[in-house]
Amino acid sequence: SGSMNKPFEGDQYSRMTKMQVACKSLIALLTHLRCTDRVGLVLFNKTAQVRFPLTDFSRLPIRTLRELLSIYAGGGTNFEDGYKACIEQYVQLFNRLKAKEAK
């Protein structure tokens, strides 16, 4: 959403935008993941976009992690499409694991 380019209301001490806080938080979260943890990223504004699908953290290329710093805000806020795209990532992972187990 375009509003992510604005600072939090009433925050008179920080000039960081909501998007800057979100990116900083995401990078902080990534520092706590183990190699076997899975991570994925879905971005949404007017539509949802899977930036990278759920995968083992150890298999993410460094360039993918650097891309996190280039995320920008814009457009509307279609939370429903974003949520559905996230759920679809879990469904696909479940199906892959189930197929692997069946072999």
C-alpha atoms as a PDB file:
ATOM      1  CA  SER A   1       0.000   0.000   0.000  1.00  0.00           C
ATOM      2  CA  GLY A   2       1.162   3.509  -0.688  1.00  0.00           C
ATOM      3  CA  SER A   3       0.598   4.350   2.976  1.00  0.00           C
ATOM      4  CA  MET A   4       3.607   2.158   3.815  1.00  0.00           C
ATOM      5  CA  ASN A   5       5.746   5.049   2.539  1.00  0.00           C
ATOM      6  CA  LYS A   6       4.620   7.175   5.491  1.00  0.00           C
ATOM      7  CA  PRO A   7       5.845   7.138   9.091  1.00  0.00           C
ATOM      8  CA  PHE A   8       3.627   5.798  11.847  1.00  0.00           C
ATOM      9  CA  GLU A   9       1.048   8.295  13.068  1.00  0.00           C
ATOM     10  CA  GLY A  10       2.063  10.026  16.269  1.00  0.00           C
ATOM     11  CA  ASP A  11       5.676   8.867  15.930  1.00  0.00           C
ATOM     12  CA  GLN A  12       7.470  12.135  16.452  1.00  0.00           C
ATOM     13  CA  TYR A  13      10.856  10.557  17.192  1.00  0.00           C
ATOM     14  CA  SER A  14      11.537   8.410  14.149  1.00  0.00           C
ATOM     15  CA  ARG A  15      11.398   9.383  10.525  1.00  0.00           C
ATOM     16  CA  MET A  16      11.430   5.781   9.350  1.00  0.00           C
ATOM     17  CA  THR A  17       8.569   4.830   7.080  1.00  0.00           C
ATOM     18  CA  LYS A  18       6.390   1.806   7.770  1.00  0.00           C
ATOM     19  CA  MET A  19       8.096   0.057   4.846  1.00  0.00           C
ATOM     20  CA  GLN A  20      11.550   0.732   6.275  1.00  0.00           C
ATOM     21  CA  VAL A  21      10.427  -0.679   9.621  1.00  0.00           C
ATOM     22  CA  ALA A  22       8.914  -3.738   7.900  1.00  0.00           C
ATOM     23  CA  CYS A  23      12.119  -4.426   5.906  1.00  0.00           C
ATOM     24  CA  LYS A  24      14.299  -3.921   8.969  1.00  0.00           C
ATOM     25  CA  SER A  25      12.066  -6.291  10.962  1.00  0.00           C
ATOM     26  CA  LEU A  26      12.164  -8.911   8.213  1.00  0.00           C
ATOM     27  CA  ILE A  27      15.947  -8.807   8.070  1.00  0.00           C
ATOM     28  CA  ALA A  28      16.115  -9.068  11.873  1.00  0.00           C
ATOM     29  CA  LEU A  29      13.818 -12.105  11.711  1.00  0.00           C
ATOM     30  CA  LEU A  30      16.037 -13.776   9.113  1.00  0.00           C
ATOM     31  CA  THR A  31      19.023 -13.572  11.468  1.00  0.00           C
ATOM     32  CA  HIS A  32      17.215 -15.935  13.841  1.00  0.00           C
ATOM     33  CA  LEU A  33      16.370 -18.656  11.319  1.00  0.00           C
ATOM     34  CA  ARG A  34      18.113 -22.013  11.262  1.00  0.00           C
ATOM     35  CA  CYS A  35      19.274 -23.582   7.991  1.00  0.00           C
ATOM     36  CA  THR A  36      16.373 -26.048   8.129  1.00  0.00           C
ATOM     37  CA  ASP A  37      13.706 -23.387   8.666  1.00  0.00           C
ATOM     38  CA  ARG A  38      11.579 -22.517   5.678  1.00  0.00           C
ATOM     39  CA  VAL A  39      10.960 -19.004   4.514  1.00  0.00           C
ATOM     40  CA  GLY A  40       9.007 -17.416   1.703  1.00  0.00           C
ATOM     41  CA  LEU A  41       7.782 -13.966   0.843  1.00  0.00           C
ATOM     42  CA  VAL A  42       4.484 -12.792  -0.590  1.00  0.00           C
ATOM     43  CA  LEU A  43       4.056  -9.133  -1.411  1.00  0.00           C
ATOM     44  CA  PHE A  44       0.700  -7.552  -2.065  1.00  0.00           C
ATOM     45  CA  ASN A  45      -0.785  -4.270  -3.094  1.00  0.00           C
ATOM     46  CA  LYS A  46      -3.605  -4.361  -5.669  1.00  0.00           C
ATOM     47  CA  THR A  47      -2.554  -7.953  -6.411  1.00  0.00           C
ATOM     48  CA  ALA A  48      -0.414 -10.564  -4.688  1.00  0.00           C
ATOM     49  CA  GLN A  49       3.012 -11.596  -5.905  1.00  0.00           C
ATOM     50  CA  VAL A  50       5.091 -14.488  -4.587  1.00  0.00           C
ATOM     51  CA  ARG A  51       8.531 -12.880  -4.408  1.00  0.00           C
ATOM     52  CA  PHE A  52      10.043 -16.212  -3.427  1.00  0.00           C
ATOM     53  CA  PRO A  53       8.236 -19.433  -2.530  1.00  0.00           C
ATOM     54  CA  LEU A  54       8.602 -21.336   0.720  1.00  0.00           C
ATOM     55  CA  THR A  55      12.009 -22.948   0.695  1.00  0.00           C
ATOM     56  CA  ASP A  56      14.713 -24.000   3.126  1.00  0.00           C
ATOM     57  CA  PHE A  57      16.459 -20.904   4.388  1.00  0.00           C
ATOM     58  CA  SER A  58      19.854 -22.429   3.580  1.00  0.00           C
ATOM     59  CA  ARG A  59      18.864 -22.699  -0.097  1.00  0.00           C
ATOM     60  CA  LEU A  60      18.045 -19.020  -0.573  1.00  0.00           C
ATOM     61  CA  PRO A  61      20.685 -17.251  -2.634  1.00  0.00           C
ATOM     62  CA  ILE A  62      22.243 -14.150  -1.107  1.00  0.00           C
ATOM     63  CA  ARG A  63      20.906 -12.088  -4.020  1.00  0.00           C
ATOM     64  CA  THR A  64      17.371 -13.056  -2.970  1.00  0.00           C
ATOM     65  CA  LEU A  65      18.032 -11.770   0.517  1.00  0.00           C
ATOM     66  CA  ARG A  66      19.474  -8.553  -0.927  1.00  0.00           C
ATOM     67  CA  GLU A  67      16.256  -8.104  -2.916  1.00  0.00           C
ATOM     68  CA  LEU A  68      14.443  -7.606   0.387  1.00  0.00           C
ATOM     69  CA  LEU A  69      16.124  -4.244   0.644  1.00  0.00           C
ATOM     70  CA  SER A  70      14.624  -3.162  -2.673  1.00  0.00           C
ATOM     71  CA  ILE A  71      10.984  -3.753  -1.746  1.00  0.00           C
ATOM     72  CA  TYR A  72       8.939  -0.627  -2.222  1.00  0.00           C
ATOM     73  CA  ALA A  73       5.411   0.415  -1.330  1.00  0.00           C
ATOM     74  CA  GLY A  74       2.743   1.404  -3.808  1.00  0.00           C
ATOM     75  CA  GLY A  75      -0.776   0.729  -4.953  1.00  0.00           C
ATOM     76  CA  GLY A  76      -3.665  -0.434  -2.841  1.00  0.00           C
ATOM     77  CA  THR A  77      -4.011  -3.003  -0.084  1.00  0.00           C
ATOM     78  CA  ASN A  78      -5.539  -6.278  -1.211  1.00  0.00           C
ATOM     79  CA  PHE A  79      -4.915  -8.263   1.959  1.00  0.00           C
ATOM     80  CA  GLU A  80      -7.218 -11.082   0.829  1.00  0.00           C
ATOM     81  CA  ASP A  81      -5.110 -11.878  -2.253  1.00  0.00           C
ATOM     82  CA  GLY A  82      -1.938 -11.717  -0.166  1.00  0.00           C
ATOM     83  CA  TYR A  83      -3.400 -14.083   2.423  1.00  0.00           C
ATOM     84  CA  LYS A  84      -4.595 -16.520  -0.254  1.00  0.00           C
ATOM     85  CA  ALA A  85      -1.155 -16.517  -1.882  1.00  0.00           C
ATOM     86  CA  CYS A  86       0.431 -17.339   1.493  1.00  0.00           C
ATOM     87  CA  ILE A  87      -1.984 -20.207   2.096  1.00  0.00           C
ATOM     88  CA  GLU A  88      -1.255 -21.524  -1.410  1.00  0.00           C
ATOM     89  CA  GLN A  89       2.444 -21.617  -0.532  1.00  0.00           C
ATOM     90  CA  TYR A  90       1.679 -23.898   2.415  1.00  0.00           C
ATOM     91  CA  VAL A  91      -0.583 -26.104   0.291  1.00  0.00           C
ATOM     92  CA  GLN A  92       2.130 -26.500  -2.345  1.00  0.00           C
ATOM     93  CA  LEU A  93       4.741 -27.304   0.313  1.00  0.00           C
ATOM     94  CA  PHE A  94       2.435 -29.856   1.922  1.00  0.00           C
ATOM     95  CA  ASN A  95       1.809 -31.512  -1.462  1.00  0.00           C
ATOM     96  CA  ARG A  96       5.547 -31.636  -2.253  1.00  0.00           C
ATOM     97  CA  LEU A  97       6.330 -33.191   1.113  1.00  0.00           C
ATOM     98  CA  LYS A  98       3.479 -35.669   0.773  1.00  0.00           C
ATOM     99  CA  ALA A  99       4.648 -36.718  -2.727  1.00  0.00           C
ATOM    100  CA  LYS A 100       8.227 -37.059  -1.481  1.00  0.00           C
ATOM    101  CA  GLU A 101       7.043 -39.225   1.399  1.00  0.00           C
ATOM    102  CA  ALA A 102       5.059 -41.486  -0.944  1.00  0.00           C
ATOM    103  CA  LYS A 103       8.179 -42.352  -2.986  1.00  0.00           C
END
